[in-house]
């Protein structure tokens, strides 16, 4: 099992863009937060399948710490 952090960005039209920083280019969209997360899960699964087929290392966020700083 792998752990991934998602970045959700609310667009002007109200939908959400989701990116997975540990998986470059893994980006998807959803009409709301729940749909965006569901779409991200699907995108991650497809991304990982491709990495496995290529025999590449599968990165994850198990050892990543995250902190938000307000300046």
Protein backbone atom coordinates (compact mmCIF):
# COMPACT_ATOMS: atom_id res chain seq x y z
CA UNK A 1 0.00 0.00 0.00
CA UNK A 2 1.25 3.46 -0.89
CA UNK A 3 0.44 6.86 0.60
CA UNK A 4 0.13 10.02 -1.50
CA UNK A 5 -0.53 13.64 -0.68
CA UNK A 6 -2.97 15.43 -2.95
CA UNK A 7 -2.97 19.12 -3.74
CA UNK A 8 -6.45 20.41 -4.50
CA UNK A 9 -6.82 23.81 -6.12
CA UNK A 10 -10.26 25.40 -6.52
CA UNK A 11 -10.66 26.88 -9.99
CA UNK A 12 -12.62 30.05 -10.82
CA UNK A 13 -15.43 27.93 -12.33
CA UNK A 14 -15.82 26.11 -9.00
CA UNK A 15 -14.32 22.78 -9.96
CA UNK A 16 -11.10 21.39 -8.49
CA UNK A 17 -7.75 20.55 -10.03
CA UNK A 18 -5.85 17.79 -8.22
CA UNK A 19 -2.15 17.06 -8.50
CA UNK A 20 -0.01 14.40 -6.86
CA UNK A 21 3.42 15.95 -6.18
CA UNK A 22 5.21 12.59 -5.80
CA UNK A 23 3.96 11.49 -9.24
CA UNK A 24 5.02 14.12 -11.78
CA UNK A 25 2.33 14.80 -14.35
CA UNK A 26 -0.38 13.01 -12.36
CA UNK A 27 -3.11 15.66 -12.57
CA UNK A 28 -6.88 15.34 -12.79
CA UNK A 29 -10.07 17.31 -12.16
CA UNK A 30 -13.42 17.03 -10.40
CA UNK A 31 -16.60 19.06 -10.20
CA UNK A 32 -16.37 18.98 -6.38
CA UNK A 33 -13.90 17.81 -3.72
CA UNK A 34 -15.32 14.28 -3.49
CA UNK A 35 -15.23 13.77 -7.25
CA UNK A 36 -11.73 15.26 -7.45
CA UNK A 37 -10.45 12.82 -4.82
CA UNK A 38 -12.14 9.90 -6.55
CA UNK A 39 -10.61 10.92 -9.87
CA UNK A 40 -7.20 11.29 -8.21
CA UNK A 41 -7.41 7.73 -6.86
CA UNK A 42 -8.13 6.44 -10.35
CA UNK A 43 -5.33 8.52 -11.87
CA UNK A 44 -2.85 7.26 -9.25
CA UNK A 45 -3.82 3.63 -9.90
CA UNK A 46 -3.28 4.08 -13.66
CA UNK A 47 0.01 5.90 -13.07
CA UNK A 48 1.28 3.09 -10.81
CA UNK A 49 0.25 0.42 -13.32
CA UNK A 50 2.35 2.19 -15.95
CA UNK A 51 5.36 2.40 -13.62
CA UNK A 52 5.05 -1.33 -12.81
CA UNK A 53 4.85 -2.24 -16.51
CA UNK A 54 8.05 -0.27 -17.14
CA UNK A 55 9.79 -1.83 -14.13
CA UNK A 56 10.32 1.58 -12.56
CA UNK A 57 10.52 2.42 -8.87
CA UNK A 58 7.20 3.39 -7.32
CA UNK A 59 7.58 6.53 -5.20
CA UNK A 60 5.24 7.38 -2.34
CA UNK A 61 4.82 9.81 0.55
CA UNK A 62 5.24 7.36 3.45
CA UNK A 63 8.30 9.25 4.73
CA UNK A 64 7.26 12.77 3.71
CA UNK A 65 6.44 15.37 6.32
CA UNK A 66 4.26 18.28 5.36
CA UNK A 67 3.98 21.64 7.03
CA UNK A 68 2.08 24.76 6.05
CA UNK A 69 3.70 28.06 6.94
CA UNK A 70 1.81 31.35 6.96
CA UNK A 71 4.03 34.37 6.39
